[in-house]
Amino acid sequence: MAVPFEVVSQHRCFGGVVGFYRHESATTACPMRFSVFTPPQAQSGRVPLLYYLAGLTCTEETFMIKAGAQRVAAELGIMLVAPDTSPRGVKLPGDSDSWDFGVAAGFYVDATVEPWSRHYRMYTYVTQELRTLIESHFPADPARTGIFGHSMGGHGALTLALRNPERYRNCDRNLFRERRHIKLHFKVARLASIRRDRNAIGASSPRQQCLVWRGPKRAWTKRVGEPSK
């Protein structure tokens, strides 16, 4: 069966593979790009998955190039997926006039007003179309999926996770102020993914099954572990 996307480039990285891909999106009615880091553990089975949502002016390349997260993800056996931040090439009036509106500023929501609503449907794209594509064509475990992001992407991650608690086992935002929090996030993501009981992610009801961070001194919830110091 042919894959529904084009491989733009692939590169070996910490024993795994970083790939950049392009496909025709039915949701946004235009070509969309995304990147994936597949860890070496994926050669023997499905692995936990983290979606990263980037901020304003970024692309699907930004996180994979700048974050340096692949080393830790390779150690812990976690797949990373980063979509682009908006549709591109649809040429709507004013879509490139401002850095915080239009191109590279999709805000991970679905537009409700024409002509934007025909293309700017990033909420549906990330939670449905991209998710289905990743789970169908990459060795990701749908039951162990989390989401995080920075700036516009941090807001998007919180919005998507709180509205879809059954899809995302953990959530984080603005993680990369300090590199030590990258490793902490992956450790907790792995813990929350592997341990299935609600107490493992500090949840007391199905709608609370998102681990939301509160800054460097409140990185863990009480029911996961003691706050970091």
C-alpha atoms as a PDB file:
ATOM      1  CA  MET A   1       0.000   0.000   0.000  1.00  0.00           C
ATOM      2  CA  ALA A   2       1.410   3.379  -1.015  1.00  0.00           C
ATOM      3  CA  VAL A   3       1.967   5.869   1.769  1.00  0.00           C
ATOM      4  CA  PRO A   4      -0.133   9.064   1.508  1.00  0.00           C
ATOM      5  CA  PHE A   5       2.840  11.399   1.932  1.00  0.00           C
ATOM      6  CA  GLU A   6       6.083  12.370   0.236  1.00  0.00           C
ATOM      7  CA  VAL A   7       9.468  12.002   1.914  1.00  0.00           C
ATOM      8  CA  VAL A   8      11.229  15.358   1.626  1.00  0.00           C
ATOM      9  CA  SER A   9      14.357  14.179   3.462  1.00  0.00           C
ATOM     10  CA  GLN A  10      15.501  11.692   6.099  1.00  0.00           C
ATOM     11  CA  HIS A  11      18.582  11.740   8.326  1.00  0.00           C
ATOM     12  CA  ARG A  12      20.115   9.329  10.823  1.00  0.00           C
ATOM     13  CA  CYS A  13      20.046  10.781  14.317  1.00  0.00           C
ATOM     14  CA  PHE A  14      21.072   9.164  17.655  1.00  0.00           C
ATOM     15  CA  GLY A  15      20.388   5.708  16.274  1.00  0.00           C
ATOM     16  CA  GLY A  16      16.975   6.720  14.960  1.00  0.00           C
ATOM     17  CA  VAL A  17      15.706   8.722  11.995  1.00  0.00           C
ATOM     18  CA  VAL A  18      14.568  12.333  11.598  1.00  0.00           C
ATOM     19  CA  GLY A  19      12.252  12.673   8.626  1.00  0.00           C
ATOM     20  CA  PHE A  20      10.575  15.624   6.955  1.00  0.00           C
ATOM     21  CA  TYR A  21       7.398  14.884   5.019  1.00  0.00           C
ATOM     22  CA  ARG A  22       4.754  16.559   2.837  1.00  0.00           C
ATOM     23  CA  HIS A  23       1.211  15.477   1.987  1.00  0.00           C
ATOM     24  CA  GLU A  24      -2.013  16.759   0.487  1.00  0.00           C
ATOM     25  CA  SER A  25      -4.346  17.558   3.367  1.00  0.00           C
ATOM     26  CA  ALA A  26      -8.080  17.106   2.989  1.00  0.00           C
ATOM     27  CA  THR A  27      -8.616  19.139   6.157  1.00  0.00           C
ATOM     28  CA  THR A  28      -6.764  22.281   5.079  1.00  0.00           C
ATOM     29  CA  ALA A  29      -7.283  21.770   1.332  1.00  0.00           C
ATOM     30  CA  CYS A  30      -3.610  22.403   0.627  1.00  0.00           C
ATOM     31  CA  PRO A  31      -0.205  20.688   1.020  1.00  0.00           C
ATOM     32  CA  MET A  32       0.964  20.325   4.632  1.00  0.00           C
ATOM     33  CA  ARG A  33       4.364  19.437   6.079  1.00  0.00           C
ATOM     34  CA  PHE A  34       5.365  17.648   9.253  1.00  0.00           C
ATOM     35  CA  SER A  35       8.478  16.127  10.789  1.00  0.00           C
ATOM     36  CA  VAL A  36       8.988  12.920  12.764  1.00  0.00           C
ATOM     37  CA  PHE A  37      11.813  11.573  14.904  1.00  0.00           C
ATOM     38  CA  THR A  38      11.581   7.786  15.077  1.00  0.00           C
ATOM     39  CA  PRO A  39      13.724   6.375  17.917  1.00  0.00           C
ATOM     40  CA  PRO A  40      15.810   3.197  17.512  1.00  0.00           C
ATOM     41  CA  GLN A  41      13.416   1.261  19.810  1.00  0.00           C
ATOM     42  CA  ALA A  42      10.748   1.509  17.091  1.00  0.00           C
ATOM     43  CA  GLN A  43      12.543  -1.227  15.185  1.00  0.00           C
ATOM     44  CA  SER A  44      11.148  -3.757  17.638  1.00  0.00           C
ATOM     45  CA  GLY A  45       7.656  -2.391  18.309  1.00  0.00           C
ATOM     46  CA  ARG A  46       5.397   0.576  18.779  1.00  0.00           C
ATOM     47  CA  VAL A  47       6.718   3.397  20.959  1.00  0.00           C
ATOM     48  CA  PRO A  48       5.224   6.297  22.977  1.00  0.00           C
ATOM     49  CA  LEU A  49       4.543   9.448  20.998  1.00  0.00           C
ATOM     50  CA  LEU A  50       4.827  13.171  21.771  1.00  0.00           C
ATOM     51  CA  TYR A  51       3.424  15.880  19.516  1.00  0.00           C
ATOM     52  CA  TYR A  52       5.239  19.216  19.640  1.00  0.00           C
ATOM     53  CA  LEU A  53       3.345  22.365  18.585  1.00  0.00           C
ATOM     54  CA  ALA A  54       5.657  25.224  17.624  1.00  0.00           C
ATOM     55  CA  GLY A  55       5.150  28.948  18.145  1.00  0.00           C
ATOM     56  CA  LEU A  56       4.568  31.927  15.880  1.00  0.00           C
ATOM     57  CA  THR A  57       6.713  32.211  12.708  1.00  0.00           C
ATOM     58  CA  CYS A  58       7.963  28.611  13.115  1.00  0.00           C
ATOM     59  CA  THR A  59       7.691  25.638  10.775  1.00  0.00           C
ATOM     60  CA  GLU A  60       7.795  21.853  11.063  1.00  0.00           C
ATOM     61  CA  GLU A  61      11.603  22.129  10.993  1.00  0.00           C
ATOM     62  CA  THR A  62      12.100  24.470  13.956  1.00  0.00           C
ATOM     63  CA  PHE A  63      11.788  21.967  16.791  1.00  0.00           C
ATOM     64  CA  MET A  64      13.800  19.229  15.101  1.00  0.00           C
ATOM     65  CA  ILE A  65      16.632  21.638  14.278  1.00  0.00           C
ATOM     66  CA  LYS A  66      16.827  23.755  17.453  1.00  0.00           C
ATOM     67  CA  ALA A  67      15.514  21.808  20.451  1.00  0.00           C
ATOM     68  CA  GLY A  68      18.115  19.061  20.683  1.00  0.00           C
ATOM     69  CA  ALA A  69      15.424  16.733  21.999  1.00  0.00           C
ATOM     70  CA  GLN A  70      16.311  13.750  19.820  1.00  0.00           C
ATOM     71  CA  ARG A  71      19.110  12.586  22.104  1.00  0.00           C
ATOM     72  CA  VAL A  72      16.796  12.262  25.105  1.00  0.00           C
ATOM     73  CA  ALA A  73      13.960  10.845  23.007  1.00  0.00           C
ATOM     74  CA  ALA A  74      16.341   8.194  21.675  1.00  0.00           C
ATOM     75  CA  GLU A  75      17.397   7.260  25.207  1.00  0.00           C
ATOM     76  CA  LEU A  76      13.787   6.889  26.355  1.00  0.00           C
ATOM     77  CA  GLY A  77      12.359   5.408  23.162  1.00  0.00           C
ATOM     78  CA  ILE A  78       9.894   8.199  22.389  1.00  0.00           C
ATOM     79  CA  MET A  79       8.710   9.279  18.946  1.00  0.00           C
ATOM     80  CA  LEU A  80       8.460  13.024  18.273  1.00  0.00           C
ATOM     81  CA  VAL A  81       6.081  14.623  15.765  1.00  0.00           C
ATOM     82  CA  ALA A  82       6.029  18.317  14.810  1.00  0.00           C
ATOM     83  CA  PRO A  83       3.449  19.694  12.355  1.00  0.00           C
ATOM     84  CA  ASP A  84       3.748  22.985  10.523  1.00  0.00           C
ATOM     85  CA  THR A  85       2.149  25.992  12.224  1.00  0.00           C
ATOM     86  CA  SER A  86      -0.401  26.878   9.516  1.00  0.00           C
ATOM     87  CA  PRO A  87      -1.512  26.153   5.971  1.00  0.00           C
ATOM     88  CA  ARG A  88       0.748  27.693   3.330  1.00  0.00           C
ATOM     89  CA  GLY A  89       0.411  28.709  -0.284  1.00  0.00           C
ATOM     90  CA  VAL A  90      -3.336  29.375  -0.248  1.00  0.00           C
ATOM     91  CA  LYS A  91      -2.832  33.159  -0.784  1.00  0.00           C
ATOM     92  CA  LEU A  92      -5.647  34.624   1.259  1.00  0.00           C
ATOM     93  CA  PRO A  93      -5.940  38.441   1.541  1.00  0.00           C
ATOM     94  CA  GLY A  94      -3.585  39.743   4.222  1.00  0.00           C
ATOM     95  CA  ASP A  95      -2.331  36.321   5.291  1.00  0.00           C
ATOM     96  CA  SER A  96       1.310  37.429   5.133  1.00  0.00           C
ATOM     97  CA  ASP A  97       0.979  41.057   6.272  1.00  0.00           C
ATOM     98  CA  SER A  98       1.630  40.384   9.967  1.00  0.00           C
ATOM     99  CA  TRP A  99       3.824  37.910  11.839  1.00  0.00           C
ATOM    100  CA  ASP A 100       0.995  37.009  14.229  1.00  0.00           C
ATOM    101  CA  PHE A 101      -1.844  36.481  11.762  1.00  0.00           C
ATOM    102  CA  GLY A 102      -2.167  34.088   8.852  1.00  0.00           C
ATOM    103  CA  VAL A 103       0.896  32.231   7.552  1.00  0.00           C
ATOM    104  CA  ALA A 104       2.870  30.595  10.404  1.00  0.00           C
ATOM    105  CA  ALA A 105       0.185  31.749  12.828  1.00  0.00           C
ATOM    106  CA  GLY A 106      -2.556  29.133  12.682  1.00  0.00           C
ATOM    107  CA  PHE A 107      -2.993  29.061  16.498  1.00  0.00           C
ATOM    108  CA  TYR A 108      -4.144  25.407  16.307  1.00  0.00           C
ATOM    109  CA  VAL A 109      -7.810  26.384  16.027  1.00  0.00           C
ATOM    110  CA  ASP A 110     -10.419  26.006  13.294  1.00  0.00           C
ATOM    111  CA  ALA A 111     -11.400  29.274  11.614  1.00  0.00           C
ATOM    112  CA  THR A 112     -15.142  29.911  11.415  1.00  0.00           C
ATOM    113  CA  VAL A 113     -15.288  32.753   8.840  1.00  0.00           C
ATOM    114  CA  GLU A 114     -14.785  32.537   5.080  1.00  0.00           C
ATOM    115  CA  PRO A 115     -12.404  32.400   3.314  1.00  0.00           C
ATOM    116  CA  TRP A 116     -10.243  31.348   6.271  1.00  0.00           C
ATOM    117  CA  SER A 117     -12.484  28.457   7.284  1.00  0.00           C
ATOM    118  CA  ARG A 118     -11.704  26.593   4.057  1.00  0.00           C
ATOM    119  CA  HIS A 119      -8.022  26.243   4.965  1.00  0.00           C
ATOM    120  CA  TYR A 120      -7.220  27.347   8.514  1.00  0.00           C
ATOM    121  CA  ARG A 121      -8.403  24.240  10.345  1.00  0.00           C
ATOM    122  CA  MET A 122      -5.329  23.382  12.400  1.00  0.00           C
ATOM    123  CA  TYR A 123      -7.302  22.006  15.354  1.00  0.00           C
ATOM    124  CA  THR A 124      -8.951  19.349  13.192  1.00  0.00           C
ATOM    125  CA  TYR A 125      -5.749  18.763  11.254  1.00  0.00           C
ATOM    126  CA  VAL A 126      -3.647  17.979  14.339  1.00  0.00           C
ATOM    127  CA  THR A 127      -6.236  16.053  16.343  1.00  0.00           C
ATOM    128  CA  GLN A 128      -7.669  14.016  13.479  1.00  0.00           C
ATOM    129  CA  GLU A 129      -5.951  13.939  10.090  1.00  0.00           C
ATOM    130  CA  LEU A 130      -2.314  14.083  11.202  1.00  0.00           C
ATOM    131  CA  ARG A 131      -3.012  11.773  14.116  1.00  0.00           C
ATOM    132  CA  THR A 132      -4.553   9.151  11.815  1.00  0.00           C
ATOM    133  CA  LEU A 133      -1.681   9.446   9.357  1.00  0.00           C
ATOM    134  CA  ILE A 134       0.976   9.011  12.064  1.00  0.00           C
ATOM    135  CA  GLU A 135      -0.745   6.080  13.755  1.00  0.00           C
ATOM    136  CA  SER A 136      -1.297   4.331  10.411  1.00  0.00           C
ATOM    137  CA  HIS A 137       2.155   4.732   8.890  1.00  0.00           C
ATOM    138  CA  PHE A 138       4.604   5.084  11.794  1.00  0.00           C
ATOM    139  CA  PRO A 139       5.273   2.688  14.720  1.00  0.00           C
ATOM    140  CA  ALA A 140       3.560   4.911  17.305  1.00  0.00           C
ATOM    141  CA  ASP A 141       1.441   3.616  20.185  1.00  0.00           C
ATOM    142  CA  PRO A 142      -1.907   5.503  20.206  1.00  0.00           C
ATOM    143  CA  ALA A 143      -2.484   4.597  23.867  1.00  0.00           C
ATOM    144  CA  ARG A 144       0.726   6.370  24.910  1.00  0.00           C
ATOM    145  CA  THR A 145       0.411   9.782  23.304  1.00  0.00           C
ATOM    146  CA  GLY A 146       1.203  13.195  24.767  1.00  0.00           C
ATOM    147  CA  ILE A 147       1.339  16.764  23.495  1.00  0.00           C
ATOM    148  CA  PHE A 148       3.399  19.829  24.339  1.00  0.00           C
ATOM    149  CA  GLY A 149       4.490  23.112  22.809  1.00  0.00           C
ATOM    150  CA  HIS A 150       5.933  26.582  23.181  1.00  0.00           C
ATOM    151  CA  SER A 151       4.302  30.021  23.011  1.00  0.00           C
ATOM    152  CA  MET A 152       1.420  29.770  20.499  1.00  0.00           C
ATOM    153  CA  GLY A 153       2.080  26.037  20.502  1.00  0.00           C
ATOM    154  CA  GLY A 154       1.948  25.889  24.297  1.00  0.00           C
ATOM    155  CA  HIS A 155      -1.515  27.422  24.214  1.00  0.00           C
ATOM    156  CA  GLY A 156      -2.444  25.031  21.427  1.00  0.00           C
ATOM    157  CA  ALA A 157      -1.195  22.020  23.371  1.00  0.00           C
ATOM    158  CA  LEU A 158      -3.249  22.956  26.431  1.00  0.00           C
ATOM    159  CA  THR A 159      -6.341  23.582  24.315  1.00  0.00           C
ATOM    160  CA  LEU A 160      -6.083  20.319  22.414  1.00  0.00           C
ATOM    161  CA  ALA A 161      -5.282  18.252  25.502  1.00  0.00           C
ATOM    162  CA  LEU A 162      -8.049  19.683  27.676  1.00  0.00           C
ATOM    163  CA  ARG A 163     -10.599  19.210  24.917  1.00  0.00           C
ATOM    164  CA  ASN A 164      -9.403  15.685  24.117  1.00  0.00           C
ATOM    165  CA  PRO A 165      -8.349  14.048  27.396  1.00  0.00           C
ATOM    166  CA  GLU A 166      -9.010  10.593  25.964  1.00  0.00           C
ATOM    167  CA  ARG A 167      -6.357  11.143  23.250  1.00  0.00           C
ATOM    168  CA  TYR A 168      -3.482  12.736  25.168  1.00  0.00           C
ATOM    169  CA  ARG A 169      -2.059  11.104  28.278  1.00  0.00           C
ATOM    170  CA  ASN A 170      -0.008  14.160  29.280  1.00  0.00           C
ATOM    171  CA  CYS A 171       0.443  17.801  28.342  1.00  0.00           C
ATOM    172  CA  ASP A 172       3.112  20.457  28.763  1.00  0.00           C
ATOM    173  CA  ARG A 173       3.834  24.014  27.625  1.00  0.00           C
ATOM    174  CA  ASN A 174       6.818  26.415  27.354  1.00  0.00           C
ATOM    175  CA  LEU A 175       9.196  23.591  28.178  1.00  0.00           C
ATOM    176  CA  PHE A 176      12.440  24.795  26.703  1.00  0.00           C
ATOM    177  CA  ARG A 177      13.436  27.699  28.944  1.00  0.00           C
ATOM    178  CA  GLU A 178      15.890  25.322  30.570  1.00  0.00           C
ATOM    179  CA  ARG A 179      17.309  22.173  28.987  1.00  0.00           C
ATOM    180  CA  ARG A 180      16.947  20.183  32.215  1.00  0.00           C
ATOM    181  CA  HIS A 181      13.168  20.372  31.874  1.00  0.00           C
ATOM    182  CA  ILE A 182      13.327  18.552  28.544  1.00  0.00           C
ATOM    183  CA  LYS A 183      14.642  15.432  30.227  1.00  0.00           C
ATOM    184  CA  LEU A 184      12.205  15.793  33.123  1.00  0.00           C
ATOM    185  CA  HIS A 185       9.292  16.044  30.715  1.00  0.00           C
ATOM    186  CA  PHE A 186      10.279  12.908  28.823  1.00  0.00           C
ATOM    187  CA  LYS A 187      10.724  10.964  32.059  1.00  0.00           C
ATOM    188  CA  VAL A 188       7.276  11.913  33.313  1.00  0.00           C
ATOM    189  CA  ALA A 189       5.730  11.350  29.880  1.00  0.00           C
ATOM    190  CA  ARG A 190       7.155   7.853  29.851  1.00  0.00           C
ATOM    191  CA  LEU A 191       5.967   7.179  33.390  1.00  0.00           C
ATOM    192  CA  ALA A 192       2.470   8.402  32.664  1.00  0.00           C
ATOM    193  CA  SER A 193       2.346   6.421  29.430  1.00  0.00           C
ATOM    194  CA  ILE A 194       3.491   3.103  30.850  1.00  0.00           C
ATOM    195  CA  ARG A 195       1.488   3.147  34.070  1.00  0.00           C
ATOM    196  CA  ARG A 196      -2.172   2.919  33.166  1.00  0.00           C
ATOM    197  CA  ASP A 197      -3.905   3.744  36.446  1.00  0.00           C
ATOM    198  CA  ARG A 198      -5.262   7.245  36.955  1.00  0.00           C
ATOM    199  CA  ASN A 199      -3.084   7.905  39.984  1.00  0.00           C
ATOM    200  CA  ALA A 200       0.002   7.689  37.764  1.00  0.00           C
ATOM    201  CA  ILE A 201      -0.936  10.975  36.098  1.00  0.00           C
ATOM    202  CA  GLY A 202      -2.618  12.700  38.999  1.00  0.00           C
ATOM    203  CA  ALA A 203      -6.128  12.208  37.659  1.00  0.00           C
ATOM    204  CA  SER A 204      -9.300  11.798  39.639  1.00  0.00           C
ATOM    205  CA  SER A 205     -11.729  11.843  36.698  1.00  0.00           C
ATOM    206  CA  PRO A 206     -11.496  11.119  32.946  1.00  0.00           C
ATOM    207  CA  ARG A 207     -11.505  14.838  32.089  1.00  0.00           C
ATOM    208  CA  GLN A 208      -8.502  15.433  34.327  1.00  0.00           C
ATOM    209  CA  GLN A 209      -6.192  12.902  32.689  1.00  0.00           C
ATOM    210  CA  CYS A 210      -3.806  15.577  31.415  1.00  0.00           C
ATOM    211  CA  LEU A 211      -0.638  16.323  33.358  1.00  0.00           C
ATOM    212  CA  VAL A 212      -0.437  20.138  33.178  1.00  0.00           C
ATOM    213  CA  TRP A 213       2.796  21.769  34.299  1.00  0.00           C
ATOM    214  CA  ARG A 214       3.020  24.843  36.488  1.00  0.00           C
ATOM    215  CA  GLY A 215       6.589  25.977  36.060  1.00  0.00           C
ATOM    216  CA  PRO A 216      10.018  24.812  37.221  1.00  0.00           C
ATOM    217  CA  LYS A 217       9.089  24.416  40.893  1.00  0.00           C
ATOM    218  CA  ARG A 218       5.825  22.581  40.239  1.00  0.00           C
ATOM    219  CA  ALA A 219       6.904  20.194  37.515  1.00  0.00           C
ATOM    220  CA  TRP A 220       5.230  17.160  39.098  1.00  0.00           C
ATOM    221  CA  THR A 221       1.814  16.794  40.622  1.00  0.00           C
ATOM    222  CA  LYS A 222       1.566  15.421  44.156  1.00  0.00           C
ATOM    223  CA  ARG A 223       0.099  12.131  42.981  1.00  0.00           C
ATOM    224  CA  VAL A 224       2.907  11.541  40.471  1.00  0.00           C
ATOM    225  CA  GLY A 225       5.769  12.494  42.765  1.00  0.00           C
ATOM    226  CA  GLU A 226       7.213  15.290  44.811  1.00  0.00           C
ATOM    227  CA  PRO A 227       7.681  18.718  43.141  1.00  0.00           C
ATOM    228  CA  SER A 228      11.115  19.258  41.667  1.00  0.00           C
ATOM    229  CA  LYS A 229      13.441  21.574  43.581  1.00  0.00           C
END
